[in-house]
Amino acid sequence: MIMNGRAISPGVAEGEAITYAEAFSFLGGVDGKTGKFNVRDGTIDGKVFLFPNGKGSTVGSYVVYDLKVQGHSPAALVNRSAETIVTTGAVISSVPMVDNIDVSLVRDGDRVVVDGNKGYIEIKGVDEVDIVSSIVMVDGKILTLHRPEKAHHYPGKWSLVSGHVERGESPAEAARREINEETQITVSYPDAEMPVFRVRDGKTIYNVYAYLYKLKSADVKLNDENTEYRWVDPEDLLKMDTVDKVDFVIDSLKGCF
């Protein structure tokens, strides 16, 4: 899968991913002589290091350079948002770097190619799939579906009405089709929608198109894709064991409830 971002420092590199979920300071965060982390297990040596953004002292730029001199430089750096310290360190050390990347979608151990010339990364062995996820609402309650325990993705979780976008159809068409197939409810145009976002499950990254449908009434008849349904208040749904980002969808569309 390819993720487009912004070129920061030129060059192309490939390596095993190692990640850090918070802002990172090279000064104190890593040993400049060995490449070993001080803030987590593992080493930066020869790996593609992905983290949201840099922080701390400007001396951090020279720690990156020291790693290069000592032979323990990262193969490449990837940020969500580059700042001066990390950018300077990458440039003076000739380490390829790209930003404007959702680094939360990359996992430790992924094989990642970083192209600092064209400004993109490729996560090898990871598929990209378009799906829809719809809030169907009646009298302020949201329809939730329970996935089978043997489901390939998110087994045993509660979800909105979701499914794949098939070849040749738009996301809006897919949302209407999935609602009808899974619940026998017929809908027309959505009352609201939100910008596409991404989630990851295993080796699949989903591009999620989310919609809101407000109905006066609905008679649910499930097919065999789900085992149970419930009508629940939005606040109660947030307490349930749901698939990823249901809370994000509710928070993004709640102004339209």
C-alpha atoms as a PDB file:
ATOM      1  CA  MET A   1       0.000   0.000   0.000  1.00  0.00           C
ATOM      2  CA  ILE A   2       1.272   3.478  -0.886  1.00  0.00           C
ATOM      3  CA  MET A   3       0.667   6.525   1.327  1.00  0.00           C
ATOM      4  CA  ASN A   4       1.430   9.906  -0.223  1.00  0.00           C
ATOM      5  CA  GLY A   5       2.990  12.605   1.921  1.00  0.00           C
ATOM      6  CA  ARG A   6       5.578  15.357   1.538  1.00  0.00           C
ATOM      7  CA  ALA A   7       9.247  15.008   0.642  1.00  0.00           C
ATOM      8  CA  ILE A   8      11.499  16.403   3.397  1.00  0.00           C
ATOM      9  CA  SER A   9      14.965  14.893   2.903  1.00  0.00           C
ATOM     10  CA  PRO A  10      15.954  13.225  -0.397  1.00  0.00           C
ATOM     11  CA  GLY A  11      16.827   9.598  -0.945  1.00  0.00           C
ATOM     12  CA  VAL A  12      15.132   6.218  -1.065  1.00  0.00           C
ATOM     13  CA  ALA A  13      15.416   3.550   1.615  1.00  0.00           C
ATOM     14  CA  GLU A  14      13.716   0.345   2.679  1.00  0.00           C
ATOM     15  CA  GLY A  15      13.705  -1.306   6.073  1.00  0.00           C
ATOM     16  CA  GLU A  16      11.819  -2.776   8.972  1.00  0.00           C
ATOM     17  CA  ALA A  17       9.520  -0.314  10.720  1.00  0.00           C
ATOM     18  CA  ILE A  18       9.916   0.691  14.343  1.00  0.00           C
ATOM     19  CA  THR A  19       7.380   3.109  15.793  1.00  0.00           C
ATOM     20  CA  TYR A  20       6.827   5.485  18.677  1.00  0.00           C
ATOM     21  CA  ALA A  21       3.345   6.814  19.400  1.00  0.00           C
ATOM     22  CA  GLU A  22       4.302  10.168  20.958  1.00  0.00           C
ATOM     23  CA  ALA A  23       6.421  13.208  20.138  1.00  0.00           C
ATOM     24  CA  PHE A  24      10.064  12.095  20.225  1.00  0.00           C
ATOM     25  CA  SER A  25      13.265  13.805  21.320  1.00  0.00           C
ATOM     26  CA  PHE A  26      16.479  12.409  19.862  1.00  0.00           C
ATOM     27  CA  LEU A  27      18.348  14.031  22.746  1.00  0.00           C
ATOM     28  CA  GLY A  28      17.745  11.538  25.540  1.00  0.00           C
ATOM     29  CA  GLY A  29      15.415   9.345  23.513  1.00  0.00           C
ATOM     30  CA  VAL A  30      18.109   7.323  21.786  1.00  0.00           C
ATOM     31  CA  ASP A  31      21.765   6.493  22.421  1.00  0.00           C
ATOM     32  CA  GLY A  32      23.739   8.328  19.722  1.00  0.00           C
ATOM     33  CA  LYS A  33      26.623   5.849  19.925  1.00  0.00           C
ATOM     34  CA  THR A  34      24.635   2.599  19.667  1.00  0.00           C
ATOM     35  CA  GLY A  35      21.242   3.473  18.222  1.00  0.00           C
ATOM     36  CA  LYS A  36      19.399   1.834  21.113  1.00  0.00           C
ATOM     37  CA  PHE A  37      16.268   3.494  22.443  1.00  0.00           C
ATOM     38  CA  ASN A  38      16.119   4.877  25.951  1.00  0.00           C
ATOM     39  CA  VAL A  39      12.317   5.183  25.881  1.00  0.00           C
ATOM     40  CA  ARG A  40      11.308   1.740  24.588  1.00  0.00           C
ATOM     41  CA  ASP A  41      12.809  -1.606  23.649  1.00  0.00           C
ATOM     42  CA  GLY A  42      14.661  -1.933  20.380  1.00  0.00           C
ATOM     43  CA  THR A  43      17.064   0.009  18.230  1.00  0.00           C
ATOM     44  CA  ILE A  44      16.833   2.619  15.503  1.00  0.00           C
ATOM     45  CA  ASP A  45      19.863   1.148  13.701  1.00  0.00           C
ATOM     46  CA  GLY A  46      19.001   0.455  10.044  1.00  0.00           C
ATOM     47  CA  LYS A  47      15.266   0.736  10.591  1.00  0.00           C
ATOM     48  CA  VAL A  48      12.544   3.035   9.302  1.00  0.00           C
ATOM     49  CA  PHE A  49      11.593   5.100  12.338  1.00  0.00           C
ATOM     50  CA  LEU A  50       8.030   6.455  12.363  1.00  0.00           C
ATOM     51  CA  PHE A  51       6.693   8.869  14.998  1.00  0.00           C
ATOM     52  CA  PRO A  52       4.238  11.800  15.048  1.00  0.00           C
ATOM     53  CA  ASN A  53       6.717  14.674  15.428  1.00  0.00           C
ATOM     54  CA  GLY A  54       9.922  15.751  17.097  1.00  0.00           C
ATOM     55  CA  LYS A  55      10.412  17.778  20.252  1.00  0.00           C
ATOM     56  CA  GLY A  56      13.092  18.978  22.639  1.00  0.00           C
ATOM     57  CA  SER A  57      16.512  20.538  22.275  1.00  0.00           C
ATOM     58  CA  THR A  58      18.024  21.496  18.930  1.00  0.00           C
ATOM     59  CA  VAL A  59      20.941  19.289  19.968  1.00  0.00           C
ATOM     60  CA  GLY A  60      18.686  16.461  18.807  1.00  0.00           C
ATOM     61  CA  SER A  61      19.649  17.311  15.223  1.00  0.00           C
ATOM     62  CA  TYR A  62      23.264  16.478  16.039  1.00  0.00           C
ATOM     63  CA  VAL A  63      22.259  13.237  17.740  1.00  0.00           C
ATOM     64  CA  VAL A  64      20.831  12.153  14.372  1.00  0.00           C
ATOM     65  CA  TYR A  65      24.133  13.132  12.761  1.00  0.00           C
ATOM     66  CA  ASP A  66      26.089  11.275  15.461  1.00  0.00           C
ATOM     67  CA  LEU A  67      24.070   8.140  14.710  1.00  0.00           C
ATOM     68  CA  LYS A  68      25.185   8.476  11.079  1.00  0.00           C
ATOM     69  CA  VAL A  69      28.848   8.922  12.031  1.00  0.00           C
ATOM     70  CA  GLN A  70      28.753   5.952  14.424  1.00  0.00           C
ATOM     71  CA  GLY A  71      27.171   3.698  11.784  1.00  0.00           C
ATOM     72  CA  HIS A  72      23.846   3.322  13.575  1.00  0.00           C
ATOM     73  CA  SER A  73      21.683   5.684  11.547  1.00  0.00           C
ATOM     74  CA  PRO A  74      18.023   4.917  10.855  1.00  0.00           C
ATOM     75  CA  ALA A  75      17.304   3.871   7.277  1.00  0.00           C
ATOM     76  CA  ALA A  76      14.689   6.625   7.038  1.00  0.00           C
ATOM     77  CA  LEU A  77      12.464   8.885   9.130  1.00  0.00           C
ATOM     78  CA  VAL A  78       8.699   9.352   8.757  1.00  0.00           C
ATOM     79  CA  ASN A  79       6.556  11.893  10.619  1.00  0.00           C
ATOM     80  CA  ARG A  80       2.989  13.008  10.762  1.00  0.00           C
ATOM     81  CA  SER A  81       4.253  16.590  10.991  1.00  0.00           C
ATOM     82  CA  ALA A  82       7.916  17.468  10.541  1.00  0.00           C
ATOM     83  CA  GLU A  83       9.548  20.183  12.618  1.00  0.00           C
ATOM     84  CA  THR A  84      12.941  21.871  12.445  1.00  0.00           C
ATOM     85  CA  ILE A  85      14.931  19.614  14.792  1.00  0.00           C
ATOM     86  CA  VAL A  86      14.179  16.336  13.032  1.00  0.00           C
ATOM     87  CA  THR A  87      14.231  17.912   9.560  1.00  0.00           C
ATOM     88  CA  THR A  88      17.687  19.401  10.146  1.00  0.00           C
ATOM     89  CA  GLY A  89      18.995  16.117  11.532  1.00  0.00           C
ATOM     90  CA  ALA A  90      17.723  14.187   8.519  1.00  0.00           C
ATOM     91  CA  VAL A  91      19.138  16.636   5.970  1.00  0.00           C
ATOM     92  CA  ILE A  92      22.643  16.957   7.478  1.00  0.00           C
ATOM     93  CA  SER A  93      22.790  13.176   7.900  1.00  0.00           C
ATOM     94  CA  SER A  94      21.469  12.352   4.407  1.00  0.00           C
ATOM     95  CA  VAL A  95      18.636  10.273   5.855  1.00  0.00           C
ATOM     96  CA  PRO A  96      15.529  10.054   3.618  1.00  0.00           C
ATOM     97  CA  MET A  97      12.507  11.639   5.301  1.00  0.00           C
ATOM     98  CA  VAL A  98       8.813  12.081   4.511  1.00  0.00           C
ATOM     99  CA  ASP A  99       6.020  13.700   6.525  1.00  0.00           C
ATOM    100  CA  ASN A 100       2.243  14.229   6.244  1.00  0.00           C
ATOM    101  CA  ILE A 101       1.862  10.483   6.875  1.00  0.00           C
ATOM    102  CA  ASP A 102      -0.603   8.893   9.299  1.00  0.00           C
ATOM    103  CA  VAL A 103       2.078   6.981  11.184  1.00  0.00           C
ATOM    104  CA  SER A 104      -0.529   5.297  13.415  1.00  0.00           C
ATOM    105  CA  LEU A 105      -1.307   2.965  10.498  1.00  0.00           C
ATOM    106  CA  VAL A 106       2.188   1.443  10.511  1.00  0.00           C
ATOM    107  CA  ARG A 107       3.133  -1.409  12.851  1.00  0.00           C
ATOM    108  CA  ASP A 108       6.472  -2.522  14.244  1.00  0.00           C
ATOM    109  CA  GLY A 109       7.938  -5.089  11.879  1.00  0.00           C
ATOM    110  CA  ASP A 110       6.219  -3.811   8.728  1.00  0.00           C
ATOM    111  CA  ARG A 111       8.474  -3.656   5.691  1.00  0.00           C
ATOM    112  CA  VAL A 112       8.445  -0.010   4.586  1.00  0.00           C
ATOM    113  CA  VAL A 113       9.899   1.805   1.584  1.00  0.00           C
ATOM    114  CA  VAL A 114      10.458   5.550   2.039  1.00  0.00           C
ATOM    115  CA  ASP A 115      10.902   7.760  -1.021  1.00  0.00           C
ATOM    116  CA  GLY A 116      12.217  11.119   0.124  1.00  0.00           C
ATOM    117  CA  ASN A 117      12.465  12.306  -3.477  1.00  0.00           C
ATOM    118  CA  LYS A 118       8.797  11.897  -4.427  1.00  0.00           C
ATOM    119  CA  GLY A 119       7.322  12.110  -0.920  1.00  0.00           C
ATOM    120  CA  TYR A 120       5.610   8.801  -0.272  1.00  0.00           C
ATOM    121  CA  ILE A 121       5.968   5.574   1.686  1.00  0.00           C
ATOM    122  CA  GLU A 122       4.970   2.037   0.740  1.00  0.00           C
ATOM    123  CA  ILE A 123       3.931  -0.512   3.355  1.00  0.00           C
ATOM    124  CA  LYS A 124       4.653  -3.879   1.774  1.00  0.00           C
ATOM    125  CA  GLY A 125       2.238  -6.763   2.250  1.00  0.00           C
ATOM    126  CA  VAL A 126      -0.613  -4.516   3.422  1.00  0.00           C
ATOM    127  CA  ASP A 127      -3.827  -4.254   1.397  1.00  0.00           C
ATOM    128  CA  GLU A 128      -6.016  -1.151   0.995  1.00  0.00           C
ATOM    129  CA  VAL A 129      -9.802  -1.641   0.956  1.00  0.00           C
ATOM    130  CA  ASP A 130     -12.682   0.849   0.630  1.00  0.00           C
ATOM    131  CA  ILE A 131     -15.570   0.270   3.035  1.00  0.00           C
ATOM    132  CA  VAL A 132     -18.687   2.095   4.220  1.00  0.00           C
ATOM    133  CA  SER A 133     -19.977   2.466   7.775  1.00  0.00           C
ATOM    134  CA  SER A 134     -23.431   3.944   8.350  1.00  0.00           C
ATOM    135  CA  ILE A 135     -25.260   5.269  11.374  1.00  0.00           C
ATOM    136  CA  VAL A 136     -28.906   4.288  10.993  1.00  0.00           C
ATOM    137  CA  MET A 137     -30.889   6.268  13.572  1.00  0.00           C
ATOM    138  CA  VAL A 138     -34.528   6.125  14.708  1.00  0.00           C
ATOM    139  CA  ASP A 139     -35.835   8.295  17.576  1.00  0.00           C
ATOM    140  CA  GLY A 140     -32.300   9.164  18.657  1.00  0.00           C
ATOM    141  CA  LYS A 141     -31.162   5.520  18.875  1.00  0.00           C
ATOM    142  CA  ILE A 142     -28.490   3.957  16.691  1.00  0.00           C
ATOM    143  CA  LEU A 143     -28.754   0.538  15.066  1.00  0.00           C
ATOM    144  CA  THR A 144     -25.836  -1.674  16.100  1.00  0.00           C
ATOM    145  CA  LEU A 145     -24.978  -5.094  14.681  1.00  0.00           C
ATOM    146  CA  HIS A 146     -23.061  -7.907  16.386  1.00  0.00           C
ATOM    147  CA  ARG A 147     -20.405  -9.623  14.288  1.00  0.00           C
ATOM    148  CA  PRO A 148     -20.019 -13.424  14.478  1.00  0.00           C
ATOM    149  CA  GLU A 149     -17.312 -14.807  16.760  1.00  0.00           C
ATOM    150  CA  LYS A 150     -15.714 -16.454  13.715  1.00  0.00           C
ATOM    151  CA  ALA A 151     -15.700 -13.313  11.553  1.00  0.00           C
ATOM    152  CA  HIS A 152     -12.393 -12.760   9.749  1.00  0.00           C
ATOM    153  CA  HIS A 153     -12.170  -9.136  10.875  1.00  0.00           C
ATOM    154  CA  TYR A 154     -13.250  -7.799  14.280  1.00  0.00           C
ATOM    155  CA  PRO A 155     -14.849 -11.058  15.495  1.00  0.00           C
ATOM    156  CA  GLY A 156     -17.467 -10.665  18.219  1.00  0.00           C
ATOM    157  CA  LYS A 157     -17.473  -6.869  18.006  1.00  0.00           C
ATOM    158  CA  TRP A 158     -20.434  -4.509  17.684  1.00  0.00           C
ATOM    159  CA  SER A 159     -20.476  -2.304  14.604  1.00  0.00           C
ATOM    160  CA  LEU A 160     -22.501   0.158  12.596  1.00  0.00           C
ATOM    161  CA  VAL A 161     -23.953  -1.088   9.305  1.00  0.00           C
ATOM    162  CA  SER A 162     -20.765  -1.674   7.339  1.00  0.00           C
ATOM    163  CA  GLY A 163     -19.426  -3.402   4.263  1.00  0.00           C
ATOM    164  CA  HIS A 164     -17.140  -3.266   1.245  1.00  0.00           C
ATOM    165  CA  VAL A 165     -17.466  -0.891  -1.686  1.00  0.00           C
ATOM    166  CA  GLU A 166     -17.776  -3.129  -4.718  1.00  0.00           C
ATOM    167  CA  ARG A 167     -16.162  -2.518  -8.089  1.00  0.00           C
ATOM    168  CA  GLY A 168     -18.057   0.061 -10.135  1.00  0.00           C
ATOM    169  CA  GLU A 169     -20.160   1.528  -7.329  1.00  0.00           C
ATOM    170  CA  SER A 170     -19.748   4.746  -5.365  1.00  0.00           C
ATOM    171  CA  PRO A 171     -19.420   4.707  -1.567  1.00  0.00           C
ATOM    172  CA  ALA A 172     -22.933   6.198  -1.249  1.00  0.00           C
ATOM    173  CA  GLU A 173     -24.333   3.418  -3.433  1.00  0.00           C
ATOM    174  CA  ALA A 174     -22.459   0.856  -1.355  1.00  0.00           C
ATOM    175  CA  ALA A 175     -23.893   2.276   1.874  1.00  0.00           C
ATOM    176  CA  ARG A 176     -27.467   1.966   0.605  1.00  0.00           C
ATOM    177  CA  ARG A 177     -26.844  -1.558  -0.675  1.00  0.00           C
ATOM    178  CA  GLU A 178     -25.197  -2.763   2.547  1.00  0.00           C
ATOM    179  CA  ILE A 179     -28.009  -1.385   4.710  1.00  0.00           C
ATOM    180  CA  ASN A 180     -30.591  -3.167   2.569  1.00  0.00           C
ATOM    181  CA  GLU A 181     -28.634  -6.444   2.383  1.00  0.00           C
ATOM    182  CA  GLU A 182     -27.863  -6.658   6.095  1.00  0.00           C
ATOM    183  CA  THR A 183     -31.101  -5.272   7.570  1.00  0.00           C
ATOM    184  CA  GLN A 184     -33.677  -5.084   4.718  1.00  0.00           C
ATOM    185  CA  ILE A 185     -34.049  -1.373   5.513  1.00  0.00           C
ATOM    186  CA  THR A 186     -34.329   0.863   2.442  1.00  0.00           C
ATOM    187  CA  VAL A 187     -32.696   4.305   2.565  1.00  0.00           C
ATOM    188  CA  SER A 188     -32.191   7.037  -0.002  1.00  0.00           C
ATOM    189  CA  TYR A 189     -29.831   9.972   0.485  1.00  0.00           C
ATOM    190  CA  PRO A 190     -27.835  10.382   3.718  1.00  0.00           C
ATOM    191  CA  ASP A 191     -28.604  13.166   6.159  1.00  0.00           C
ATOM    192  CA  ALA A 192     -24.885  13.713   6.693  1.00  0.00           C
ATOM    193  CA  GLU A 193     -21.491  12.287   5.808  1.00  0.00           C
ATOM    194  CA  MET A 194     -17.921  12.799   6.959  1.00  0.00           C
ATOM    195  CA  PRO A 195     -14.549  12.904   5.203  1.00  0.00           C
ATOM    196  CA  VAL A 196     -12.966   9.530   4.518  1.00  0.00           C
ATOM    197  CA  PHE A 197     -10.657   8.223   7.247  1.00  0.00           C
ATOM    198  CA  ARG A 198      -8.485   5.147   7.707  1.00  0.00           C
ATOM    199  CA  VAL A 199      -8.270   2.290  10.195  1.00  0.00           C
ATOM    200  CA  ARG A 200      -6.095  -0.799  10.218  1.00  0.00           C
ATOM    201  CA  ASP A 201      -6.869  -4.397  11.136  1.00  0.00           C
ATOM    202  CA  GLY A 202      -4.042  -6.886  10.670  1.00  0.00           C
ATOM    203  CA  LYS A 203      -2.683  -6.617   7.143  1.00  0.00           C
ATOM    204  CA  THR A 204      -5.579  -4.511   5.868  1.00  0.00           C
ATOM    205  CA  ILE A 205      -6.002  -0.745   5.925  1.00  0.00           C
ATOM    206  CA  TYR A 206      -9.576   0.393   5.417  1.00  0.00           C
ATOM    207  CA  ASN A 207     -10.595   3.669   3.789  1.00  0.00           C
ATOM    208  CA  VAL A 208     -13.839   4.326   5.663  1.00  0.00           C
ATOM    209  CA  TYR A 209     -16.727   6.357   4.196  1.00  0.00           C
ATOM    210  CA  ALA A 210     -19.217   7.127   6.979  1.00  0.00           C
ATOM    211  CA  TYR A 211     -22.832   8.266   6.611  1.00  0.00           C
ATOM    212  CA  LEU A 212     -25.816   9.168   8.781  1.00  0.00           C
ATOM    213  CA  TYR A 213     -29.399   8.147   7.946  1.00  0.00           C
ATOM    214  CA  LYS A 214     -32.201   9.435  10.176  1.00  0.00           C
ATOM    215  CA  LEU A 215     -35.418   7.439   9.756  1.00  0.00           C
ATOM    216  CA  LYS A 216     -38.898   7.773  11.242  1.00  0.00           C
ATOM    217  CA  SER A 217     -39.158   4.002  11.689  1.00  0.00           C
ATOM    218  CA  ALA A 218     -37.389   0.799  10.657  1.00  0.00           C
ATOM    219  CA  ASP A 219     -38.156  -2.920  10.733  1.00  0.00           C
ATOM    220  CA  VAL A 220     -34.889  -4.836  10.980  1.00  0.00           C
ATOM    221  CA  LYS A 221     -34.508  -8.283   9.424  1.00  0.00           C
ATOM    222  CA  LEU A 222     -30.944  -9.531   9.631  1.00  0.00           C
ATOM    223  CA  ASN A 223     -29.203 -11.674   7.053  1.00  0.00           C
ATOM    224  CA  ASP A 224     -26.511 -14.179   8.083  1.00  0.00           C
ATOM    225  CA  GLU A 225     -23.663 -11.631   8.225  1.00  0.00           C
ATOM    226  CA  ASN A 226     -24.509 -10.612  11.810  1.00  0.00           C
ATOM    227  CA  THR A 227     -25.900 -12.504  14.786  1.00  0.00           C
ATOM    228  CA  GLU A 228     -27.864  -9.842  16.681  1.00  0.00           C
ATOM    229  CA  TYR A 229     -28.971  -6.223  16.550  1.00  0.00           C
ATOM    230  CA  ARG A 230     -29.775  -3.552  19.117  1.00  0.00           C
ATOM    231  CA  TRP A 231     -31.092   0.021  19.085  1.00  0.00           C
ATOM    232  CA  VAL A 232     -28.955   1.965  21.572  1.00  0.00           C
ATOM    233  CA  ASP A 233     -28.358   5.538  22.689  1.00  0.00           C
ATOM    234  CA  PRO A 234     -25.123   7.038  21.323  1.00  0.00           C
ATOM    235  CA  GLU A 235     -23.669   7.304  24.842  1.00  0.00           C
ATOM    236  CA  ASP A 236     -24.365   3.620  25.528  1.00  0.00           C
ATOM    237  CA  LEU A 237     -22.848   2.563  22.218  1.00  0.00           C
ATOM    238  CA  LEU A 238     -19.565   4.181  23.245  1.00  0.00           C
ATOM    239  CA  LYS A 239     -19.456   1.800  26.238  1.00  0.00           C
ATOM    240  CA  MET A 240     -19.847  -1.320  24.085  1.00  0.00           C
ATOM    241  CA  ASP A 241     -17.095  -3.498  22.604  1.00  0.00           C
ATOM    242  CA  THR A 242     -17.080  -2.030  19.109  1.00  0.00           C
ATOM    243  CA  VAL A 243     -14.922  -2.118  16.013  1.00  0.00           C
ATOM    244  CA  ASP A 244     -12.308   0.625  15.742  1.00  0.00           C
ATOM    245  CA  LYS A 245     -13.311   4.276  15.352  1.00  0.00           C
ATOM    246  CA  VAL A 246     -17.060   3.944  16.037  1.00  0.00           C
ATOM    247  CA  ASP A 247     -16.544   6.626  18.680  1.00  0.00           C
ATOM    248  CA  PHE A 248     -14.846   8.845  16.083  1.00  0.00           C
ATOM    249  CA  VAL A 249     -17.793   8.491  13.679  1.00  0.00           C
ATOM    250  CA  ILE A 250     -20.329   9.297  16.394  1.00  0.00           C
ATOM    251  CA  ASP A 251     -18.353  12.313  17.590  1.00  0.00           C
ATOM    252  CA  SER A 252     -17.935  13.598  14.023  1.00  0.00           C
ATOM    253  CA  LEU A 253     -21.623  13.290  13.108  1.00  0.00           C
ATOM    254  CA  LYS A 254     -23.328  13.943  16.452  1.00  0.00           C
ATOM    255  CA  GLY A 255     -24.018  17.566  15.509  1.00  0.00           C
ATOM    256  CA  CYS A 256     -26.434  16.202  12.901  1.00  0.00           C
ATOM    257  CA  PHE A 257     -28.327  13.840  15.224  1.00  0.00           C
END
